[in-house]
Amino acid sequence: MNLDFFTWDNLIYLIGELTVLVIAGAFIVSFILVVISIYSIKKKKLYFPLLIKSGLVFLEGMMKAMFRFLGLEDREMLTFFINLQNTMNAAEFAKIPVSERAVFFPQCLRSSQCPAHLTPEGLKCRNCGQCEVGGAQILLEQMGYKVFIVPGSSFIKRMVKKYRPRAILGIGCLSEVKEGIEMADKMGLVVMGVVTLKEGCVETLVNWPDVYEVATLGISPESIPQDLHVLAD
């Protein structure tokens, strides 16, 4: 009985030591990754993106706490996360045929006077000329994209299940793009995100050159509409 108690006591002690070591190791690794991340943000260049992404998967909570402790604002943190994902996914996105890609615009980009009606596949643009979404949709569809104007993530899931694209380009505010990236990752899709310049629910803005820069990744020049630069300007 004494031997059993002694063995059990040692086992508990060993488990306790291992737990402390694991926590300490996670803390040290998180701190190193946060330092690399902040350095990347300051230099506007990503260092060790694969390592940072792996850390965010396994140590996200601890890393976020450290970011806040070191004075990094949530907006900066979200922007870094999106830039990291885009950097990691750009090469794979470029390899996927444009016919297997989809673009999702948020409905907030349209004019407040938009005459489009909501359908089971999102808003159907009438190309009324009151905003730039209609022209962008025409150009992207000419390249071979499936384009959707959606009011929420439920529509994105529905269209992905119906049309089964392998890659998607999503436009939205910071939180929407981050949530969309996480959702697309879970669905096994290659995803790229472009953040709007203005947040809100009505008449938001996006930098169209950023959208077209991502949309043309991996596409041969002859497949890009000649008037693409007009909307980009």
C-alpha atoms as a PDB file:
ATOM      1  CA  MET A   1       0.000   0.000   0.000  1.00  0.00           C
ATOM      2  CA  ASN A   2       2.841   2.392   0.888  1.00  0.00           C
ATOM      3  CA  LEU A   3       4.555   1.628  -2.399  1.00  0.00           C
ATOM      4  CA  ASP A   4       1.362   2.304  -4.343  1.00  0.00           C
ATOM      5  CA  PHE A   5       0.902   5.607  -2.524  1.00  0.00           C
ATOM      6  CA  PHE A   6       4.524   6.560  -3.169  1.00  0.00           C
ATOM      7  CA  THR A   7       4.184   5.741  -6.870  1.00  0.00           C
ATOM      8  CA  TRP A   8       0.945   7.692  -7.178  1.00  0.00           C
ATOM      9  CA  ASP A   9       2.439  10.667  -5.337  1.00  0.00           C
ATOM     10  CA  ASN A  10       5.425  10.710  -7.716  1.00  0.00           C
ATOM     11  CA  LEU A  11       3.116  10.461 -10.719  1.00  0.00           C
ATOM     12  CA  ILE A  12       1.086  13.484  -9.589  1.00  0.00           C
ATOM     13  CA  TYR A  13       4.302  15.405  -8.980  1.00  0.00           C
ATOM     14  CA  LEU A  14       5.589  14.485 -12.449  1.00  0.00           C
ATOM     15  CA  ILE A  15       2.331  15.546 -14.097  1.00  0.00           C
ATOM     16  CA  GLY A  16       2.510  18.849 -12.232  1.00  0.00           C
ATOM     17  CA  GLU A  17       6.065  19.472 -13.420  1.00  0.00           C
ATOM     18  CA  LEU A  18       5.194  18.621 -17.015  1.00  0.00           C
ATOM     19  CA  THR A  19       2.184  20.954 -16.893  1.00  0.00           C
ATOM     20  CA  VAL A  20       4.350  23.827 -15.658  1.00  0.00           C
ATOM     21  CA  LEU A  21       6.923  23.121 -18.367  1.00  0.00           C
ATOM     22  CA  VAL A  22       4.262  23.029 -21.092  1.00  0.00           C
ATOM     23  CA  ILE A  23       2.719  26.318 -19.912  1.00  0.00           C
ATOM     24  CA  ALA A  24       6.140  27.947 -19.646  1.00  0.00           C
ATOM     25  CA  GLY A  25       7.097  26.665 -23.093  1.00  0.00           C
ATOM     26  CA  ALA A  26       3.846  27.941 -24.617  1.00  0.00           C
ATOM     27  CA  PHE A  27       4.419  31.326 -22.977  1.00  0.00           C
ATOM     28  CA  ILE A  28       7.974  31.587 -24.312  1.00  0.00           C
ATOM     29  CA  VAL A  29       6.987  30.495 -27.839  1.00  0.00           C
ATOM     30  CA  SER A  30       4.026  32.906 -27.838  1.00  0.00           C
ATOM     31  CA  PHE A  31       6.253  35.773 -26.727  1.00  0.00           C
ATOM     32  CA  ILE A  32       8.803  35.038 -29.471  1.00  0.00           C
ATOM     33  CA  LEU A  33       6.064  34.865 -32.128  1.00  0.00           C
ATOM     34  CA  VAL A  34       4.488  38.103 -30.887  1.00  0.00           C
ATOM     35  CA  VAL A  35       7.856  39.872 -31.063  1.00  0.00           C
ATOM     36  CA  ILE A  36       8.346  38.615 -34.643  1.00  0.00           C
ATOM     37  CA  SER A  37       4.800  39.690 -35.513  1.00  0.00           C
ATOM     38  CA  ILE A  38       5.225  43.197 -34.101  1.00  0.00           C
ATOM     39  CA  TYR A  39       8.572  43.542 -35.868  1.00  0.00           C
ATOM     40  CA  SER A  40       6.873  42.483 -39.113  1.00  0.00           C
ATOM     41  CA  ILE A  41       4.151  45.083 -38.581  1.00  0.00           C
ATOM     42  CA  LYS A  42       6.670  47.860 -37.930  1.00  0.00           C
ATOM     43  CA  LYS A  43       8.789  46.908 -40.949  1.00  0.00           C
ATOM     44  CA  LYS A  44       5.683  46.236 -43.098  1.00  0.00           C
ATOM     45  CA  LYS A  45       7.201  42.932 -44.156  1.00  0.00           C
ATOM     46  CA  LEU A  46       6.239  39.462 -43.006  1.00  0.00           C
ATOM     47  CA  TYR A  47       8.950  37.377 -41.366  1.00  0.00           C
ATOM     48  CA  PHE A  48       8.470  33.632 -40.814  1.00  0.00           C
ATOM     49  CA  PRO A  49       4.776  33.694 -41.889  1.00  0.00           C
ATOM     50  CA  LEU A  50       4.342  29.911 -41.687  1.00  0.00           C
ATOM     51  CA  LEU A  51       5.685  29.863 -38.141  1.00  0.00           C
ATOM     52  CA  ILE A  52       3.426  32.741 -37.083  1.00  0.00           C
ATOM     53  CA  LYS A  53       0.358  31.155 -38.674  1.00  0.00           C
ATOM     54  CA  SER A  54       1.038  27.879 -36.865  1.00  0.00           C
ATOM     55  CA  GLY A  55       1.387  29.783 -33.618  1.00  0.00           C
ATOM     56  CA  LEU A  56      -1.924  31.572 -34.160  1.00  0.00           C
ATOM     57  CA  VAL A  57      -3.623  28.216 -34.684  1.00  0.00           C
ATOM     58  CA  PHE A  58      -2.362  26.660 -31.457  1.00  0.00           C
ATOM     59  CA  LEU A  59      -1.638  29.681 -29.243  1.00  0.00           C
ATOM     60  CA  GLU A  60      -4.123  32.284 -30.479  1.00  0.00           C
ATOM     61  CA  GLY A  61      -5.549  33.233 -27.077  1.00  0.00           C
ATOM     62  CA  MET A  62      -2.174  33.699 -25.426  1.00  0.00           C
ATOM     63  CA  MET A  63      -0.766  35.616 -28.395  1.00  0.00           C
ATOM     64  CA  LYS A  64      -3.763  37.972 -28.510  1.00  0.00           C
ATOM     65  CA  ALA A  65      -3.365  38.691 -24.802  1.00  0.00           C
ATOM     66  CA  MET A  66       0.311  39.513 -25.346  1.00  0.00           C
ATOM     67  CA  PHE A  67      -0.491  41.736 -28.324  1.00  0.00           C
ATOM     68  CA  ARG A  68      -2.856  43.776 -26.141  1.00  0.00           C
ATOM     69  CA  PHE A  69      -0.396  43.841 -23.243  1.00  0.00           C
ATOM     70  CA  LEU A  70       2.281  45.253 -25.567  1.00  0.00           C
ATOM     71  CA  GLY A  71      -0.084  47.984 -26.752  1.00  0.00           C
ATOM     72  CA  LEU A  72      -1.093  46.637 -30.153  1.00  0.00           C
ATOM     73  CA  GLU A  73      -4.616  47.745 -31.039  1.00  0.00           C
ATOM     74  CA  ASP A  74      -7.213  45.229 -32.175  1.00  0.00           C
ATOM     75  CA  ARG A  75      -7.397  46.870 -35.608  1.00  0.00           C
ATOM     76  CA  GLU A  76      -3.645  46.483 -36.122  1.00  0.00           C
ATOM     77  CA  MET A  77      -3.844  42.889 -34.960  1.00  0.00           C
ATOM     78  CA  LEU A  78      -6.700  42.046 -37.352  1.00  0.00           C
ATOM     79  CA  THR A  79      -4.955  43.781 -40.245  1.00  0.00           C
ATOM     80  CA  PHE A  80      -1.809  41.789 -39.563  1.00  0.00           C
ATOM     81  CA  PHE A  81      -3.787  38.542 -39.424  1.00  0.00           C
ATOM     82  CA  ILE A  82      -5.409  39.256 -42.810  1.00  0.00           C
ATOM     83  CA  ASN A  83      -2.100  40.267 -44.417  1.00  0.00           C
ATOM     84  CA  LEU A  84      -0.539  37.099 -43.046  1.00  0.00           C
ATOM     85  CA  GLN A  85      -3.287  34.933 -44.529  1.00  0.00           C
ATOM     86  CA  ASN A  86      -3.086  36.709 -47.894  1.00  0.00           C
ATOM     87  CA  THR A  87       0.681  36.249 -48.021  1.00  0.00           C
ATOM     88  CA  MET A  88       0.345  32.566 -47.182  1.00  0.00           C
ATOM     89  CA  ASN A  89      -2.450  31.945 -49.709  1.00  0.00           C
ATOM     90  CA  ALA A  90      -1.420  34.107 -52.686  1.00  0.00           C
ATOM     91  CA  ALA A  91       0.668  31.475 -54.497  1.00  0.00           C
ATOM     92  CA  GLU A  92      -1.979  28.772 -54.116  1.00  0.00           C
ATOM     93  CA  PHE A  93      -4.739  31.194 -55.141  1.00  0.00           C
ATOM     94  CA  ALA A  94      -2.819  32.041 -58.329  1.00  0.00           C
ATOM     95  CA  LYS A  95      -2.618  28.348 -59.297  1.00  0.00           C
ATOM     96  CA  ILE A  96      -6.395  27.824 -59.247  1.00  0.00           C
ATOM     97  CA  PRO A  97      -8.178  28.393 -62.593  1.00  0.00           C
ATOM     98  CA  VAL A  98     -10.333  31.514 -62.549  1.00  0.00           C
ATOM     99  CA  SER A  99     -13.335  29.388 -63.505  1.00  0.00           C
ATOM    100  CA  GLU A 100     -13.034  27.778 -60.071  1.00  0.00           C
ATOM    101  CA  ARG A 101     -12.885  31.065 -58.173  1.00  0.00           C
ATOM    102  CA  ALA A 102     -15.674  33.197 -56.739  1.00  0.00           C
ATOM    103  CA  VAL A 103     -15.838  36.812 -55.571  1.00  0.00           C
ATOM    104  CA  PHE A 104     -18.093  37.933 -52.738  1.00  0.00           C
ATOM    105  CA  PHE A 105     -18.972  41.626 -52.462  1.00  0.00           C
ATOM    106  CA  PRO A 106     -20.783  42.895 -49.348  1.00  0.00           C
ATOM    107  CA  GLN A 107     -24.087  44.613 -50.036  1.00  0.00           C
ATOM    108  CA  CYS A 108     -22.864  47.691 -48.154  1.00  0.00           C
ATOM    109  CA  LEU A 109     -20.719  48.664 -51.184  1.00  0.00           C
ATOM    110  CA  ARG A 110     -23.814  49.489 -53.224  1.00  0.00           C
ATOM    111  CA  SER A 111     -25.527  52.877 -53.436  1.00  0.00           C
ATOM    112  CA  SER A 112     -28.207  53.737 -50.904  1.00  0.00           C
ATOM    113  CA  GLN A 113     -30.501  54.175 -53.925  1.00  0.00           C
ATOM    114  CA  CYS A 114     -29.691  50.720 -55.308  1.00  0.00           C
ATOM    115  CA  PRO A 115     -32.702  49.197 -57.140  1.00  0.00           C
ATOM    116  CA  ALA A 116     -31.401  45.604 -56.888  1.00  0.00           C
ATOM    117  CA  HIS A 117     -33.585  42.997 -55.218  1.00  0.00           C
ATOM    118  CA  LEU A 118     -32.474  40.197 -52.939  1.00  0.00           C
ATOM    119  CA  THR A 119     -32.644  36.690 -54.408  1.00  0.00           C
ATOM    120  CA  PRO A 120     -31.657  33.266 -53.022  1.00  0.00           C
ATOM    121  CA  GLU A 121     -28.188  33.932 -54.515  1.00  0.00           C
ATOM    122  CA  GLY A 122     -27.782  37.438 -53.134  1.00  0.00           C
ATOM    123  CA  LEU A 123     -28.450  40.781 -54.771  1.00  0.00           C
ATOM    124  CA  LYS A 124     -28.840  40.823 -58.555  1.00  0.00           C
ATOM    125  CA  CYS A 125     -27.122  43.976 -59.796  1.00  0.00           C
ATOM    126  CA  ARG A 126     -29.020  46.016 -62.415  1.00  0.00           C
ATOM    127  CA  ASN A 127     -25.943  47.997 -63.483  1.00  0.00           C
ATOM    128  CA  CYS A 128     -27.761  51.249 -62.816  1.00  0.00           C
ATOM    129  CA  GLY A 129     -24.469  53.175 -62.598  1.00  0.00           C
ATOM    130  CA  GLN A 130     -25.068  54.555 -59.119  1.00  0.00           C
ATOM    131  CA  CYS A 131     -22.049  52.695 -57.699  1.00  0.00           C
ATOM    132  CA  GLU A 132     -18.949  50.862 -58.932  1.00  0.00           C
ATOM    133  CA  VAL A 133     -20.083  47.368 -58.029  1.00  0.00           C
ATOM    134  CA  GLY A 134     -21.882  46.794 -61.326  1.00  0.00           C
ATOM    135  CA  GLY A 135     -18.865  47.680 -63.444  1.00  0.00           C
ATOM    136  CA  ALA A 136     -16.607  45.576 -61.257  1.00  0.00           C
ATOM    137  CA  GLN A 137     -18.933  42.606 -61.573  1.00  0.00           C
ATOM    138  CA  ILE A 138     -18.887  42.856 -65.385  1.00  0.00           C
ATOM    139  CA  LEU A 139     -15.081  42.911 -65.531  1.00  0.00           C
ATOM    140  CA  LEU A 140     -14.663  40.055 -63.083  1.00  0.00           C
ATOM    141  CA  GLU A 141     -17.226  37.925 -64.895  1.00  0.00           C
ATOM    142  CA  GLN A 142     -15.431  38.630 -68.173  1.00  0.00           C
ATOM    143  CA  MET A 143     -12.335  37.107 -66.589  1.00  0.00           C
ATOM    144  CA  GLY A 144     -14.349  34.036 -65.621  1.00  0.00           C
ATOM    145  CA  TYR A 145     -15.213  34.723 -61.994  1.00  0.00           C
ATOM    146  CA  LYS A 146     -18.504  33.874 -60.344  1.00  0.00           C
ATOM    147  CA  VAL A 147     -19.537  37.097 -58.610  1.00  0.00           C
ATOM    148  CA  PHE A 148     -21.996  37.425 -55.748  1.00  0.00           C
ATOM    149  CA  ILE A 149     -23.279  40.438 -53.795  1.00  0.00           C
ATOM    150  CA  VAL A 150     -24.284  39.083 -50.428  1.00  0.00           C
ATOM    151  CA  PRO A 151     -25.779  40.385 -47.176  1.00  0.00           C
ATOM    152  CA  GLY A 152     -24.122  37.844 -44.908  1.00  0.00           C
ATOM    153  CA  SER A 153     -22.050  34.716 -44.360  1.00  0.00           C
ATOM    154  CA  SER A 154     -25.050  32.389 -44.714  1.00  0.00           C
ATOM    155  CA  PHE A 155     -25.254  33.323 -48.404  1.00  0.00           C
ATOM    156  CA  ILE A 156     -21.539  32.647 -48.851  1.00  0.00           C
ATOM    157  CA  LYS A 157     -21.903  29.156 -47.370  1.00  0.00           C
ATOM    158  CA  ARG A 158     -24.907  28.479 -49.587  1.00  0.00           C
ATOM    159  CA  MET A 159     -23.162  29.588 -52.783  1.00  0.00           C
ATOM    160  CA  VAL A 160     -20.004  27.648 -51.915  1.00  0.00           C
ATOM    161  CA  LYS A 161     -22.053  24.490 -51.418  1.00  0.00           C
ATOM    162  CA  LYS A 162     -23.936  25.066 -54.683  1.00  0.00           C
ATOM    163  CA  TYR A 163     -21.110  26.104 -57.018  1.00  0.00           C
ATOM    164  CA  ARG A 164     -18.156  24.531 -55.168  1.00  0.00           C
ATOM    165  CA  PRO A 165     -15.394  27.050 -55.974  1.00  0.00           C
ATOM    166  CA  ARG A 166     -11.906  26.096 -54.874  1.00  0.00           C
ATOM    167  CA  ALA A 167     -10.890  29.671 -54.102  1.00  0.00           C
ATOM    168  CA  ILE A 168     -12.717  32.806 -53.043  1.00  0.00           C
ATOM    169  CA  LEU A 169     -11.965  36.508 -52.852  1.00  0.00           C
ATOM    170  CA  GLY A 170     -13.896  38.260 -50.121  1.00  0.00           C
ATOM    171  CA  ILE A 171     -14.347  41.987 -49.568  1.00  0.00           C
ATOM    172  CA  GLY A 172     -15.575  43.481 -46.298  1.00  0.00           C
ATOM    173  CA  CYS A 173     -14.680  45.281 -43.101  1.00  0.00           C
ATOM    174  CA  LEU A 174     -11.876  43.971 -40.906  1.00  0.00           C
ATOM    175  CA  SER A 175     -13.996  41.728 -38.707  1.00  0.00           C
ATOM    176  CA  GLU A 176     -15.998  40.375 -41.671  1.00  0.00           C
ATOM    177  CA  VAL A 177     -12.873  39.519 -43.656  1.00  0.00           C
ATOM    178  CA  LYS A 178     -11.265  37.803 -40.658  1.00  0.00           C
ATOM    179  CA  GLU A 179     -14.422  35.766 -40.004  1.00  0.00           C
ATOM    180  CA  GLY A 180     -14.667  34.951 -43.705  1.00  0.00           C
ATOM    181  CA  ILE A 181     -11.064  33.748 -43.808  1.00  0.00           C
ATOM    182  CA  GLU A 182     -11.624  31.499 -40.797  1.00  0.00           C
ATOM    183  CA  MET A 183     -14.854  30.153 -42.311  1.00  0.00           C
ATOM    184  CA  ALA A 184     -13.183  29.476 -45.678  1.00  0.00           C
ATOM    185  CA  ASP A 185     -10.268  27.706 -43.973  1.00  0.00           C
ATOM    186  CA  LYS A 186     -12.710  25.369 -42.234  1.00  0.00           C
ATOM    187  CA  MET A 187     -14.384  24.680 -45.588  1.00  0.00           C
ATOM    188  CA  GLY A 188     -11.051  23.810 -47.181  1.00  0.00           C
ATOM    189  CA  LEU A 189     -11.003  26.801 -49.549  1.00  0.00           C
ATOM    190  CA  VAL A 190      -8.111  29.023 -50.593  1.00  0.00           C
ATOM    191  CA  VAL A 191      -9.144  32.509 -49.559  1.00  0.00           C
ATOM    192  CA  MET A 192      -7.926  36.068 -50.108  1.00  0.00           C
ATOM    193  CA  GLY A 193      -9.381  39.110 -48.395  1.00  0.00           C
ATOM    194  CA  VAL A 194      -9.572  42.821 -49.201  1.00  0.00           C
ATOM    195  CA  VAL A 195     -10.617  45.209 -46.429  1.00  0.00           C
ATOM    196  CA  THR A 196     -12.904  48.148 -47.149  1.00  0.00           C
ATOM    197  CA  LEU A 197     -11.602  51.674 -46.622  1.00  0.00           C
ATOM    198  CA  LYS A 198     -14.761  52.722 -44.842  1.00  0.00           C
ATOM    199  CA  GLU A 199     -16.767  50.654 -42.406  1.00  0.00           C
ATOM    200  CA  GLY A 200     -20.502  50.725 -41.916  1.00  0.00           C
ATOM    201  CA  CYS A 201     -23.725  49.329 -43.320  1.00  0.00           C
ATOM    202  CA  VAL A 202     -24.369  51.786 -46.173  1.00  0.00           C
ATOM    203  CA  GLU A 203     -22.194  53.052 -49.053  1.00  0.00           C
ATOM    204  CA  THR A 204     -18.863  51.767 -47.804  1.00  0.00           C
ATOM    205  CA  LEU A 205     -15.728  52.128 -49.924  1.00  0.00           C
ATOM    206  CA  VAL A 206     -13.037  49.786 -51.166  1.00  0.00           C
ATOM    207  CA  ASN A 207      -9.768  50.454 -52.964  1.00  0.00           C
ATOM    208  CA  TRP A 208     -10.572  48.880 -56.332  1.00  0.00           C
ATOM    209  CA  PRO A 209      -6.918  48.535 -57.425  1.00  0.00           C
ATOM    210  CA  ASP A 210      -6.422  46.238 -54.409  1.00  0.00           C
ATOM    211  CA  VAL A 211      -9.385  44.121 -55.487  1.00  0.00           C
ATOM    212  CA  TYR A 212      -8.144  43.818 -59.076  1.00  0.00           C
ATOM    213  CA  GLU A 213      -4.572  43.134 -57.984  1.00  0.00           C
ATOM    214  CA  VAL A 214      -5.758  40.064 -56.097  1.00  0.00           C
ATOM    215  CA  ALA A 215      -8.318  39.064 -58.734  1.00  0.00           C
ATOM    216  CA  THR A 216      -5.696  38.983 -61.505  1.00  0.00           C
ATOM    217  CA  LEU A 217      -3.259  36.735 -59.624  1.00  0.00           C
ATOM    218  CA  GLY A 218      -2.213  33.898 -61.899  1.00  0.00           C
ATOM    219  CA  ILE A 219      -4.291  35.144 -64.847  1.00  0.00           C
ATOM    220  CA  SER A 220      -2.564  35.606 -68.192  1.00  0.00           C
ATOM    221  CA  PRO A 221      -2.536  39.228 -69.467  1.00  0.00           C
ATOM    222  CA  GLU A 222      -4.599  38.366 -72.559  1.00  0.00           C
ATOM    223  CA  SER A 223      -7.423  37.120 -70.303  1.00  0.00           C
ATOM    224  CA  ILE A 224      -7.643  40.436 -68.441  1.00  0.00           C
ATOM    225  CA  PRO A 225     -10.161  42.947 -69.913  1.00  0.00           C
ATOM    226  CA  GLN A 226      -8.423  45.886 -71.561  1.00  0.00           C
ATOM    227  CA  ASP A 227     -10.580  48.417 -69.715  1.00  0.00           C
ATOM    228  CA  LEU A 228      -9.769  46.988 -66.290  1.00  0.00           C
ATOM    229  CA  HIS A 229      -7.558  49.966 -65.497  1.00  0.00           C
ATOM    230  CA  VAL A 230     -10.472  52.365 -66.009  1.00  0.00           C
ATOM    231  CA  LEU A 231     -12.356  51.127 -62.953  1.00  0.00           C
ATOM    232  CA  ALA A 232      -9.110  50.650 -61.058  1.00  0.00           C
ATOM    233  CA  ASP A 233      -8.439  54.368 -61.441  1.00  0.00           C
END
